[in-house]
């Protein structure tokens, strides 16, 4: 409601800087989400896609969970010292399998 609508107290409202920061942090916290649990079929599809991509040397799109927005990396998968790495344009990046939501062939 604005002052023109008859609310004379609207102009008197003040927000202290520390309260404004707390409101911003609360808004960010409210947007955070928890990681979904993948079922056995999803893990088998991920495993199949990785195996095919490594055998045929095809690029994949790896979707990694982040609390606010998922991250998608595109590159060629490879195994190095027992863990999964993704060779991208920026170099080789280790992939944390606990954060993987989906792996699909890149278009």
PDB file of N, CA and C in Angstrom:
ATOM      1  N   UNK A   1       0.836  -1.182   0.000  1.00  0.00           N
ATOM      2  CA  UNK A   1       0.000   0.000   0.000  1.00  0.00           C
ATOM      3  C   UNK A   1       0.877   1.240   0.000  1.00  0.00           C
ATOM      4  N   UNK A   2       0.564   2.180  -0.832  1.00  0.00           N
ATOM      5  CA  UNK A   2       1.338   3.402  -0.924  1.00  0.00           C
ATOM      6  C   UNK A   2       0.671   4.507  -0.112  1.00  0.00           C
ATOM      7  N   UNK A   3       1.402   5.608   0.040  1.00  0.00           N
ATOM      8  CA  UNK A   3       0.854   6.754   0.769  1.00  0.00           C
ATOM      9  C   UNK A   3      -0.390   7.269   0.062  1.00  0.00           C
ATOM     10  N   UNK A   4      -0.358   7.261  -1.251  1.00  0.00           N
ATOM     11  CA  UNK A   4      -1.507   7.744  -2.022  1.00  0.00           C
ATOM     12  C   UNK A   4      -2.749   6.898  -1.767  1.00  0.00           C
ATOM     13  N   UNK A   5      -2.559   5.655  -1.320  1.00  0.00           N
ATOM     14  CA  UNK A   5      -3.687   4.771  -1.041  1.00  0.00           C
ATOM     15  C   UNK A   5      -4.215   4.971   0.374  1.00  0.00           C
ATOM     16  N   UNK A   6      -3.647   5.898   1.117  1.00  0.00           N
ATOM     17  CA  UNK A   6      -4.139   6.172   2.457  1.00  0.00           C
ATOM     18  C   UNK A   6      -3.298   5.578   3.574  1.00  0.00           C
ATOM     19  N   UNK A   7      -2.161   4.977   3.257  1.00  0.00           N
ATOM     20  CA  UNK A   7      -1.306   4.386   4.283  1.00  0.00           C
ATOM     21  C   UNK A   7      -0.203   5.383   4.627  1.00  0.00           C
ATOM     22  N   UNK A   8      -0.421   6.184   5.674  1.00  0.00           N
ATOM     23  CA  UNK A   8       0.553   7.221   6.033  1.00  0.00           C
ATOM     24  C   UNK A   8       1.798   6.648   6.698  1.00  0.00           C
ATOM     25  N   UNK A   9       1.720   5.419   7.196  1.00  0.00           N
ATOM     26  CA  UNK A   9       2.857   4.830   7.896  1.00  0.00           C
ATOM     27  C   UNK A   9       3.858   4.185   6.935  1.00  0.00           C
ATOM     28  N   UNK A  10       3.513   4.002   5.684  1.00  0.00           N
ATOM     29  CA  UNK A  10       4.410   3.388   4.707  1.00  0.00           C
ATOM     30  C   UNK A  10       5.683   4.201   4.541  1.00  0.00           C
ATOM     31  N   UNK A  11       5.595   5.525   4.568  1.00  0.00           N
ATOM     32  CA  UNK A  11       6.766   6.380   4.402  1.00  0.00           C
ATOM     33  C   UNK A  11       7.687   6.331   5.610  1.00  0.00           C
ATOM     34  N   UNK A  12       7.195   5.885   6.758  1.00  0.00           N
ATOM     35  CA  UNK A  12       7.999   5.859   7.975  1.00  0.00           C
ATOM     36  C   UNK A  12       8.761   4.543   8.146  1.00  0.00           C
ATOM     37  N   UNK A  13       8.536   3.595   7.277  1.00  0.00           N
ATOM     38  CA  UNK A  13       9.175   2.299   7.448  1.00  0.00           C
ATOM     39  C   UNK A  13      10.656   2.408   7.098  1.00  0.00           C
ATOM     40  N   UNK A  14      11.513   1.958   8.009  1.00  0.00           N
ATOM     41  CA  UNK A  14      12.955   1.959   7.804  1.00  0.00           C
ATOM     42  C   UNK A  14      13.478   0.539   7.991  1.00  0.00           C
ATOM     43  N   UNK A  15      14.479   0.214   7.219  1.00  0.00           N
ATOM     44  CA  UNK A  15      15.126  -1.085   7.368  1.00  0.00           C
ATOM     45  C   UNK A  15      16.601  -0.822   7.611  1.00  0.00           C
ATOM     46  N   UNK A  16      17.084  -1.286   8.744  1.00  0.00           N
ATOM     47  CA  UNK A  16      18.497  -1.122   9.063  1.00  0.00           C
ATOM     48  C   UNK A  16      19.344  -1.985   8.132  1.00  0.00           C
ATOM     49  N   UNK A  17      20.564  -1.539   7.826  1.00  0.00           N
ATOM     50  CA  UNK A  17      21.420  -2.305   6.900  1.00  0.00           C
ATOM     51  C   UNK A  17      21.636  -3.747   7.338  1.00  0.00           C
ATOM     52  N   UNK A  18      21.823  -3.981   8.631  1.00  0.00           N
ATOM     53  CA  UNK A  18      22.042  -5.356   9.088  1.00  0.00           C
ATOM     54  C   UNK A  18      20.787  -6.202   8.941  1.00  0.00           C
ATOM     55  N   UNK A  19      19.609  -5.561   9.039  1.00  0.00           N
ATOM     56  CA  UNK A  19      18.369  -6.303   8.819  1.00  0.00           C
ATOM     57  C   UNK A  19      18.179  -6.611   7.342  1.00  0.00           C
ATOM     58  N   UNK A  20      18.584  -5.666   6.494  1.00  0.00           N
ATOM     59  CA  UNK A  20      18.486  -5.884   5.050  1.00  0.00           C
ATOM     60  C   UNK A  20      19.357  -7.066   4.635  1.00  0.00           C
ATOM     61  N   UNK A  21      20.585  -7.142   5.173  1.00  0.00           N
ATOM     62  CA  UNK A  21      21.472  -8.273   4.872  1.00  0.00           C
ATOM     63  C   UNK A  21      20.878  -9.580   5.383  1.00  0.00           C
ATOM     64  N   UNK A  22      20.284  -9.547   6.566  1.00  0.00           N
ATOM     65  CA  UNK A  22      19.657 -10.755   7.116  1.00  0.00           C
ATOM     66  C   UNK A  22      18.481 -11.189   6.243  1.00  0.00           C
ATOM     67  N   UNK A  23      17.727 -10.231   5.713  1.00  0.00           N
ATOM     68  CA  UNK A  23      16.602 -10.574   4.834  1.00  0.00           C
ATOM     69  C   UNK A  23      17.110 -11.194   3.531  1.00  0.00           C
ATOM     70  N   UNK A  24      18.227 -10.689   2.992  1.00  0.00           N
ATOM     71  CA  UNK A  24      18.804 -11.260   1.778  1.00  0.00           C
ATOM     72  C   UNK A  24      19.285 -12.687   2.018  1.00  0.00           C
ATOM     73  N   UNK A  25      19.971 -12.896   3.162  1.00  0.00           N
ATOM     74  CA  UNK A  25      20.459 -14.246   3.490  1.00  0.00           C
ATOM     75  C   UNK A  25      19.293 -15.210   3.667  1.00  0.00           C
ATOM     76  N   UNK A  26      18.217 -14.751   4.309  1.00  0.00           N
ATOM     77  CA  UNK A  26      17.051 -15.608   4.508  1.00  0.00           C
ATOM     78  C   UNK A  26      16.404 -15.965   3.174  1.00  0.00           C
ATOM     79  N   UNK A  27      16.377 -15.018   2.242  1.00  0.00           N
ATOM     80  CA  UNK A  27      15.801 -15.295   0.920  1.00  0.00           C
ATOM     81  C   UNK A  27      16.635 -16.326   0.172  1.00  0.00           C
ATOM     82  N   UNK A  28      17.967 -16.232   0.261  1.00  0.00           N
ATOM     83  CA  UNK A  28      18.844 -17.208  -0.394  1.00  0.00           C
ATOM     84  C   UNK A  28      18.679 -18.580   0.243  1.00  0.00           C
ATOM     85  N   UNK A  29      18.614 -18.624   1.561  1.00  0.00           N
ATOM     86  CA  UNK A  29      18.431 -19.895   2.269  1.00  0.00           C
ATOM     87  C   UNK A  29      17.102 -20.544   1.899  1.00  0.00           C
ATOM     88  N   UNK A  30      16.064 -19.735   1.697  1.00  0.00           N
ATOM     89  CA  UNK A  30      14.751 -20.273   1.345  1.00  0.00           C
ATOM     90  C   UNK A  30      14.760 -20.888  -0.051  1.00  0.00           C
ATOM     91  N   UNK A  31      15.633 -20.402  -0.936  1.00  0.00           N
ATOM     92  CA  UNK A  31      15.711 -20.922  -2.299  1.00  0.00           C
ATOM     93  C   UNK A  31      16.515 -22.216  -2.383  1.00  0.00           C
ATOM     94  N   UNK A  32      17.314 -22.511  -1.361  1.00  0.00           N
ATOM     95  CA  UNK A  32      18.144 -23.714  -1.400  1.00  0.00           C
ATOM     96  C   UNK A  32      17.255 -24.949  -1.392  1.00  0.00           C
ATOM     97  N   UNK A  33      17.757 -25.987  -2.049  1.00  0.00           N
ATOM     98  CA  UNK A  33      17.010 -27.238  -2.111  1.00  0.00           C
ATOM     99  C   UNK A  33      17.919 -28.382  -1.720  1.00  0.00           C
ATOM    100  N   UNK A  34      17.348 -29.509  -1.422  1.00  0.00           N
ATOM    101  CA  UNK A  34      18.152 -30.664  -1.037  1.00  0.00           C
ATOM    102  C   UNK A  34      18.348 -31.571  -2.252  1.00  0.00           C
ATOM    103  N   UNK A  35      19.414 -32.357  -2.213  1.00  0.00           N
ATOM    104  CA  UNK A  35      19.752 -33.220  -3.342  1.00  0.00           C
ATOM    105  C   UNK A  35      18.747 -34.362  -3.436  1.00  0.00           C
ATOM    106  N   UNK A  36      18.205 -34.587  -4.628  1.00  0.00           N
ATOM    107  CA  UNK A  36      17.296 -35.725  -4.800  1.00  0.00           C
ATOM    108  C   UNK A  36      18.066 -37.041  -4.748  1.00  0.00           C
ATOM    109  N   UNK A  37      17.396 -38.083  -4.333  1.00  0.00           N
ATOM    110  CA  UNK A  37      17.998 -39.407  -4.268  1.00  0.00           C
ATOM    111  C   UNK A  37      17.723 -40.130  -5.580  1.00  0.00           C
ATOM    112  N   UNK A  38      18.790 -40.614  -6.203  1.00  0.00           N
ATOM    113  CA  UNK A  38      18.652 -41.337  -7.464  1.00  0.00           C
ATOM    114  C   UNK A  38      18.331 -42.794  -7.192  1.00  0.00           C
ATOM    115  N   UNK A  39      17.416 -43.347  -7.968  1.00  0.00           N
ATOM    116  CA  UNK A  39      17.074 -44.752  -7.800  1.00  0.00           C
ATOM    117  C   UNK A  39      18.052 -45.631  -8.590  1.00  0.00           C
ATOM    118  N   UNK A  40      17.881 -46.934  -8.475  1.00  0.00           N
ATOM    119  CA  UNK A  40      18.794 -47.887  -9.096  1.00  0.00           C
ATOM    120  C   UNK A  40      18.797 -47.758 -10.627  1.00  0.00           C
ATOM    121  N   UNK A  41      17.633 -47.502 -11.207  1.00  0.00           N
ATOM    122  CA  UNK A  41      17.558 -47.355 -12.666  1.00  0.00           C
ATOM    123  C   UNK A  41      18.367 -46.148 -13.145  1.00  0.00           C
ATOM    124  N   UNK A  42      18.298 -45.054 -12.419  1.00  0.00           N
ATOM    125  CA  UNK A  42      19.053 -43.858 -12.800  1.00  0.00           C
ATOM    126  C   UNK A  42      20.549 -44.134 -12.740  1.00  0.00           C
ATOM    127  N   UNK A  43      21.008 -44.848 -11.698  1.00  0.00           N
ATOM    128  CA  UNK A  43      22.431 -45.168 -11.588  1.00  0.00           C
ATOM    129  C   UNK A  43      22.879 -46.117 -12.702  1.00  0.00           C
ATOM    130  N   UNK A  44      22.012 -47.065 -13.090  1.00  0.00           N
ATOM    131  CA  UNK A  44      22.360 -47.970 -14.184  1.00  0.00           C
ATOM    132  C   UNK A  44      22.455 -47.221 -15.503  1.00  0.00           C
ATOM    133  N   UNK A  45      21.564 -46.248 -15.713  1.00  0.00           N
ATOM    134  CA  UNK A  45      21.625 -45.441 -16.931  1.00  0.00           C
ATOM    135  C   UNK A  45      22.899 -44.597 -16.967  1.00  0.00           C
ATOM    136  N   UNK A  46      23.282 -44.044 -15.817  1.00  0.00           N
ATOM    137  CA  UNK A  46      24.525 -43.277 -15.728  1.00  0.00           C
ATOM    138  C   UNK A  46      25.720 -44.168 -16.047  1.00  0.00           C
ATOM    139  N   UNK A  47      25.730 -45.365 -15.470  1.00  0.00           N
ATOM    140  CA  UNK A  47      26.833 -46.299 -15.696  1.00  0.00           C
ATOM    141  C   UNK A  47      26.913 -46.703 -17.164  1.00  0.00           C
ATOM    142  N   UNK A  48      25.776 -46.995 -17.779  1.00  0.00           N
ATOM    143  CA  UNK A  48      25.754 -47.376 -19.193  1.00  0.00           C
ATOM    144  C   UNK A  48      26.274 -46.237 -20.063  1.00  0.00           C
ATOM    145  N   UNK A  49      25.799 -45.020 -19.809  1.00  0.00           N
ATOM    146  CA  UNK A  49      26.226 -43.865 -20.604  1.00  0.00           C
ATOM    147  C   UNK A  49      27.725 -43.640 -20.473  1.00  0.00           C
ATOM    148  N   UNK A  50      28.246 -43.725 -19.249  1.00  0.00           N
ATOM    149  CA  UNK A  50      29.688 -43.550 -19.041  1.00  0.00           C
ATOM    150  C   UNK A  50      30.496 -44.617 -19.767  1.00  0.00           C
ATOM    151  N   UNK A  51      30.055 -45.850 -19.661  1.00  0.00           N
ATOM    152  CA  UNK A  51      30.777 -46.953 -20.299  1.00  0.00           C
ATOM    153  C   UNK A  51      30.806 -46.764 -21.816  1.00  0.00           C
ATOM    154  N   UNK A  52      29.672 -46.442 -22.409  1.00  0.00           N
ATOM    155  CA  UNK A  52      29.610 -46.231 -23.857  1.00  0.00           C
ATOM    156  C   UNK A  52      30.461 -45.035 -24.273  1.00  0.00           C
ATOM    157  N   UNK A  53      30.396 -43.961 -23.505  1.00  0.00           N
ATOM    158  CA  UNK A  53      31.153 -42.751 -23.847  1.00  0.00           C
ATOM    159  C   UNK A  53      32.653 -42.996 -23.773  1.00  0.00           C
ATOM    160  N   UNK A  54      33.093 -43.764 -22.783  1.00  0.00           N
ATOM    161  CA  UNK A  54      34.533 -44.033 -22.670  1.00  0.00           C
ATOM    162  C   UNK A  54      35.009 -44.983 -23.763  1.00  0.00           C
ATOM    163  N   UNK A  55      34.193 -45.988 -24.096  1.00  0.00           N
ATOM    164  CA  UNK A  55      34.588 -46.936 -25.139  1.00  0.00           C
ATOM    165  C   UNK A  55      34.642 -46.266 -26.507  1.00  0.00           C
ATOM    166  N   UNK A  56      33.656 -45.416 -26.803  1.00  0.00           N
ATOM    167  CA  UNK A  56      33.559 -44.784 -28.118  1.00  0.00           C
ATOM    168  C   UNK A  56      34.139 -43.372 -28.148  1.00  0.00           C
ATOM    169  N   UNK A  57      34.674 -42.924 -27.007  1.00  0.00           N
ATOM    170  CA  UNK A  57      35.284 -41.598 -26.867  1.00  0.00           C
ATOM    171  C   UNK A  57      34.331 -40.486 -27.319  1.00  0.00           C
ATOM    172  N   UNK A  58      33.134 -40.509 -26.728  1.00  0.00           N
ATOM    173  CA  UNK A  58      32.105 -39.515 -27.024  1.00  0.00           C
ATOM    174  C   UNK A  58      31.994 -38.518 -25.869  1.00  0.00           C
ATOM    175  N   UNK A  59      31.678 -37.275 -26.165  1.00  0.00           N
ATOM    176  CA  UNK A  59      31.489 -36.297 -25.082  1.00  0.00           C
ATOM    177  C   UNK A  59      30.147 -36.513 -24.370  1.00  0.00           C
ATOM    178  N   UNK A  60      30.135 -36.181 -23.095  1.00  0.00           N
ATOM    179  CA  UNK A  60      28.916 -36.290 -22.293  1.00  0.00           C
ATOM    180  C   UNK A  60      28.634 -34.968 -21.584  1.00  0.00           C
ATOM    181  N   UNK A  61      27.396 -34.811 -21.193  1.00  0.00           N
ATOM    182  CA  UNK A  61      26.983 -33.667 -20.376  1.00  0.00           C
ATOM    183  C   UNK A  61      26.699 -34.212 -18.982  1.00  0.00           C
ATOM    184  N   UNK A  62      27.459 -33.741 -18.006  1.00  0.00           N
ATOM    185  CA  UNK A  62      27.318 -34.192 -16.621  1.00  0.00           C
ATOM    186  C   UNK A  62      26.601 -33.097 -15.839  1.00  0.00           C
ATOM    187  N   UNK A  63      25.459 -33.452 -15.250  1.00  0.00           N
ATOM    188  CA  UNK A  63      24.707 -32.508 -14.427  1.00  0.00           C
ATOM    189  C   UNK A  63      25.051 -32.768 -12.970  1.00  0.00           C
ATOM    190  N   UNK A  64      25.631 -31.753 -12.319  1.00  0.00           N
ATOM    191  CA  UNK A  64      26.031 -31.852 -10.913  1.00  0.00           C
ATOM    192  C   UNK A  64      25.086 -31.024 -10.053  1.00  0.00           C
ATOM    193  N   UNK A  65      24.736 -31.563  -8.897  1.00  0.00           N
ATOM    194  CA  UNK A  65      23.828 -30.877  -7.985  1.00  0.00           C
ATOM    195  C   UNK A  65      24.527 -29.715  -7.287  1.00  0.00           C
ATOM    196  N   UNK A  66      23.841 -28.606  -7.218  1.00  0.00           N
ATOM    197  CA  UNK A  66      24.236 -27.456  -6.405  1.00  0.00           C
ATOM    198  C   UNK A  66      22.965 -26.972  -5.726  1.00  0.00           C
ATOM    199  N   UNK A  67      23.050 -26.496  -4.498  1.00  0.00           N
ATOM    200  CA  UNK A  67      21.837 -26.132  -3.756  1.00  0.00           C
ATOM    201  C   UNK A  67      20.949 -25.092  -4.437  1.00  0.00           C
ATOM    202  N   UNK A  68      21.529 -24.136  -5.145  1.00  0.00           N
ATOM    203  CA  UNK A  68      20.707 -23.105  -5.768  1.00  0.00           C
ATOM    204  C   UNK A  68      20.408 -23.395  -7.234  1.00  0.00           C
ATOM    205  N   UNK A  69      21.409 -23.885  -7.974  1.00  0.00           N
ATOM    206  CA  UNK A  69      21.218 -24.161  -9.394  1.00  0.00           C
ATOM    207  C   UNK A  69      22.198 -25.247  -9.818  1.00  0.00           C
ATOM    208  N   UNK A  70      21.715 -26.216 -10.592  1.00  0.00           N
ATOM    209  CA  UNK A  70      22.567 -27.309 -11.038  1.00  0.00           C
ATOM    210  C   UNK A  70      23.644 -26.801 -11.991  1.00  0.00           C
ATOM    211  N   UNK A  71      24.756 -27.521 -12.014  1.00  0.00           N
ATOM    212  CA  UNK A  71      25.894 -27.177 -12.873  1.00  0.00           C
ATOM    213  C   UNK A  71      26.034 -28.252 -13.939  1.00  0.00           C
ATOM    214  N   UNK A  72      26.191 -27.852 -15.188  1.00  0.00           N
ATOM    215  CA  UNK A  72      26.341 -28.799 -16.294  1.00  0.00           C
ATOM    216  C   UNK A  72      27.735 -28.636 -16.891  1.00  0.00           C
ATOM    217  N   UNK A  73      28.479 -29.736 -16.936  1.00  0.00           N
ATOM    218  CA  UNK A  73      29.815 -29.755 -17.527  1.00  0.00           C
ATOM    219  C   UNK A  73      29.787 -30.664 -18.747  1.00  0.00           C
ATOM    220  N   UNK A  74      30.453 -30.243 -19.801  1.00  0.00           N
ATOM    221  CA  UNK A  74      30.488 -31.039 -21.027  1.00  0.00           C
ATOM    222  C   UNK A  74      31.940 -31.374 -21.348  1.00  0.00           C
ATOM    223  N   UNK A  75      32.180 -32.659 -21.615  1.00  0.00           N
ATOM    224  CA  UNK A  75      33.523 -33.091 -21.943  1.00  0.00           C
ATOM    225  C   UNK A  75      33.588 -34.599 -22.110  1.00  0.00           C
ATOM    226  N   UNK A  76      34.798 -35.088 -22.308  1.00  0.00           N
ATOM    227  CA  UNK A  76      35.033 -36.521 -22.493  1.00  0.00           C
ATOM    228  C   UNK A  76      35.373 -37.157 -21.143  1.00  0.00           C
ATOM    229  N   UNK A  77      34.642 -38.200 -20.742  1.00  0.00           N
ATOM    230  CA  UNK A  77      34.935 -38.844 -19.463  1.00  0.00           C
ATOM    231  C   UNK A  77      36.166 -39.742 -19.562  1.00  0.00           C
ATOM    232  N   UNK A  78      36.897 -39.834 -18.457  1.00  0.00           N
ATOM    233  CA  UNK A  78      38.048 -40.732 -18.390  1.00  0.00           C
ATOM    234  C   UNK A  78      38.251 -41.148 -16.936  1.00  0.00           C
ATOM    235  N   UNK A  79      38.811 -42.341 -16.764  1.00  0.00           N
ATOM    236  CA  UNK A  79      39.124 -42.825 -15.424  1.00  0.00           C
ATOM    237  C   UNK A  79      40.587 -42.522 -15.146  1.00  0.00           C
ATOM    238  N   UNK A  80      40.832 -41.947 -13.981  1.00  0.00           N
ATOM    239  CA  UNK A  80      42.197 -41.623 -13.586  1.00  0.00           C
ATOM    240  C   UNK A  80      42.320 -41.945 -12.106  1.00  0.00           C
ATOM    241  N   UNK A  81      43.237 -42.836 -11.785  1.00  0.00           N
ATOM    242  CA  UNK A  81      43.506 -43.277 -10.402  1.00  0.00           C
ATOM    243  C   UNK A  81      42.225 -43.667  -9.658  1.00  0.00           C
ATOM    244  N   UNK A  82      41.365 -44.402 -10.358  1.00  0.00           N
ATOM    245  CA  UNK A  82      40.183 -44.958  -9.720  1.00  0.00           C
ATOM    246  C   UNK A  82      39.010 -43.997  -9.566  1.00  0.00           C
ATOM    247  N   UNK A  83      39.099 -42.807 -10.117  1.00  0.00           N
ATOM    248  CA  UNK A  83      37.979 -41.868 -10.023  1.00  0.00           C
ATOM    249  C   UNK A  83      37.678 -41.290 -11.407  1.00  0.00           C
ATOM    250  N   UNK A  84      36.492 -40.730 -11.526  1.00  0.00           N
ATOM    251  CA  UNK A  84      36.040 -40.192 -12.809  1.00  0.00           C
ATOM    252  C   UNK A  84      36.522 -38.759 -12.989  1.00  0.00           C
ATOM    253  N   UNK A  85      37.063 -38.486 -14.166  1.00  0.00           N
ATOM    254  CA  UNK A  85      37.504 -37.145 -14.542  1.00  0.00           C
ATOM    255  C   UNK A  85      36.814 -36.785 -15.844  1.00  0.00           C
ATOM    256  N   UNK A  86      36.629 -35.501 -16.058  1.00  0.00           N
ATOM    257  CA  UNK A  86      36.010 -35.020 -17.284  1.00  0.00           C
ATOM    258  C   UNK A  86      36.982 -34.077 -17.969  1.00  0.00           C
ATOM    259  N   UNK A  87      37.371 -34.445 -19.187  1.00  0.00           N
ATOM    260  CA  UNK A  87      38.302 -33.613 -19.961  1.00  0.00           C
ATOM    261  C   UNK A  87      37.480 -32.569 -20.712  1.00  0.00           C
ATOM    262  N   UNK A  88      37.537 -31.315 -20.244  1.00  0.00           N
ATOM    263  CA  UNK A  88      36.769 -30.223 -20.833  1.00  0.00           C
ATOM    264  C   UNK A  88      37.712 -29.260 -21.552  1.00  0.00           C
ATOM    265  N   UNK A  89      37.149 -28.190 -22.070  1.00  0.00           N
ATOM    266  CA  UNK A  89      37.962 -27.156 -22.716  1.00  0.00           C
ATOM    267  C   UNK A  89      38.896 -26.476 -21.711  1.00  0.00           C
ATOM    268  N   UNK A  90      38.487 -26.464 -20.437  1.00  0.00           N
ATOM    269  CA  UNK A  90      39.284 -25.830 -19.386  1.00  0.00           C
ATOM    270  C   UNK A  90      40.311 -26.773 -18.770  1.00  0.00           C
ATOM    271  N   UNK A  91      40.378 -27.998 -19.242  1.00  0.00           N
ATOM    272  CA  UNK A  91      41.310 -28.975 -18.696  1.00  0.00           C
ATOM    273  C   UNK A  91      40.550 -30.140 -18.078  1.00  0.00           C
ATOM    274  N   UNK A  92      41.262 -30.982 -17.370  1.00  0.00           N
ATOM    275  CA  UNK A  92      40.654 -32.149 -16.733  1.00  0.00           C
ATOM    276  C   UNK A  92      40.114 -31.767 -15.357  1.00  0.00           C
ATOM    277  N   UNK A  93      38.852 -32.122 -15.107  1.00  0.00           N
ATOM    278  CA  UNK A  93      38.206 -31.818 -13.832  1.00  0.00           C
ATOM    279  C   UNK A  93      37.759 -33.102 -13.158  1.00  0.00           C
ATOM    280  N   UNK A  94      38.013 -33.248 -11.849  1.00  0.00           N
ATOM    281  CA  UNK A  94      37.507 -34.431 -11.155  1.00  0.00           C
ATOM    282  C   UNK A  94      35.994 -34.292 -10.955  1.00  0.00           C
ATOM    283  N   UNK A  95      35.289 -35.413 -11.035  1.00  0.00           N
ATOM    284  CA  UNK A  95      33.837 -35.422 -10.865  1.00  0.00           C
ATOM    285  C   UNK A  95      33.503 -36.131  -9.556  1.00  0.00           C
ATOM    286  N   UNK A  96      32.809 -35.426  -8.693  1.00  0.00           N
ATOM    287  CA  UNK A  96      32.351 -36.000  -7.426  1.00  0.00           C
ATOM    288  C   UNK A  96      31.047 -36.755  -7.699  1.00  0.00           C
ATOM    289  N   UNK A  97      31.092 -38.073  -7.671  1.00  0.00           N
ATOM    290  CA  UNK A  97      29.926 -38.884  -8.009  1.00  0.00           C
ATOM    291  C   UNK A  97      28.775 -38.682  -7.030  1.00  0.00           C
ATOM    292  N   UNK A  98      29.045 -38.163  -5.848  1.00  0.00           N
ATOM    293  CA  UNK A  98      27.961 -37.896  -4.889  1.00  0.00           C
ATOM    294  C   UNK A  98      27.100 -36.728  -5.343  1.00  0.00           C
ATOM    295  N   UNK A  99      27.627 -35.883  -6.236  1.00  0.00           N
ATOM    296  CA  UNK A  99      26.882 -34.718  -6.722  1.00  0.00           C
ATOM    297  C   UNK A  99      26.231 -34.958  -8.081  1.00  0.00           C
ATOM    298  N   UNK A 100      26.491 -36.099  -8.708  1.00  0.00           N
ATOM    299  CA  UNK A 100      25.968 -36.364 -10.053  1.00  0.00           C
ATOM    300  C   UNK A 100      24.464 -36.602  -9.991  1.00  0.00           C
ATOM    301  N   UNK A 101      23.747 -35.880 -10.848  1.00  0.00           N
ATOM    302  CA  UNK A 101      22.298 -36.083 -10.994  1.00  0.00           C
ATOM    303  C   UNK A 101      21.973 -36.818 -12.289  1.00  0.00           C
ATOM    304  N   UNK A 102      22.763 -36.526 -13.333  1.00  0.00           N
ATOM    305  CA  UNK A 102      22.472 -37.104 -14.637  1.00  0.00           C
ATOM    306  C   UNK A 102      23.721 -37.030 -15.512  1.00  0.00           C
ATOM    307  N   UNK A 103      23.902 -38.048 -16.331  1.00  0.00           N
ATOM    308  CA  UNK A 103      24.950 -38.030 -17.352  1.00  0.00           C
ATOM    309  C   UNK A 103      24.294 -38.491 -18.649  1.00  0.00           C
ATOM    310  N   UNK A 104      24.412 -37.647 -19.669  1.00  0.00           N
ATOM    311  CA  UNK A 104      23.817 -37.942 -20.971  1.00  0.00           C
ATOM    312  C   UNK A 104      24.830 -37.610 -22.056  1.00  0.00           C
ATOM    313  N   UNK A 105      24.642 -38.222 -23.216  1.00  0.00           N
ATOM    314  CA  UNK A 105      25.505 -37.932 -24.353  1.00  0.00           C
ATOM    315  C   UNK A 105      25.297 -36.477 -24.766  1.00  0.00           C
ATOM    316  N   UNK A 106      26.387 -35.766 -25.008  1.00  0.00           N
ATOM    317  CA  UNK A 106      26.300 -34.365 -25.437  1.00  0.00           C
ATOM    318  C   UNK A 106      25.877 -34.324 -26.894  1.00  0.00           C
ATOM    319  N   UNK A 107      25.079 -33.361 -27.221  1.00  0.00           N
ATOM    320  CA  UNK A 107      24.609 -33.216 -28.604  1.00  0.00           C
ATOM    321  C   UNK A 107      25.605 -32.518 -29.466  1.00  0.00           C
TER     322      UNK A 107
END
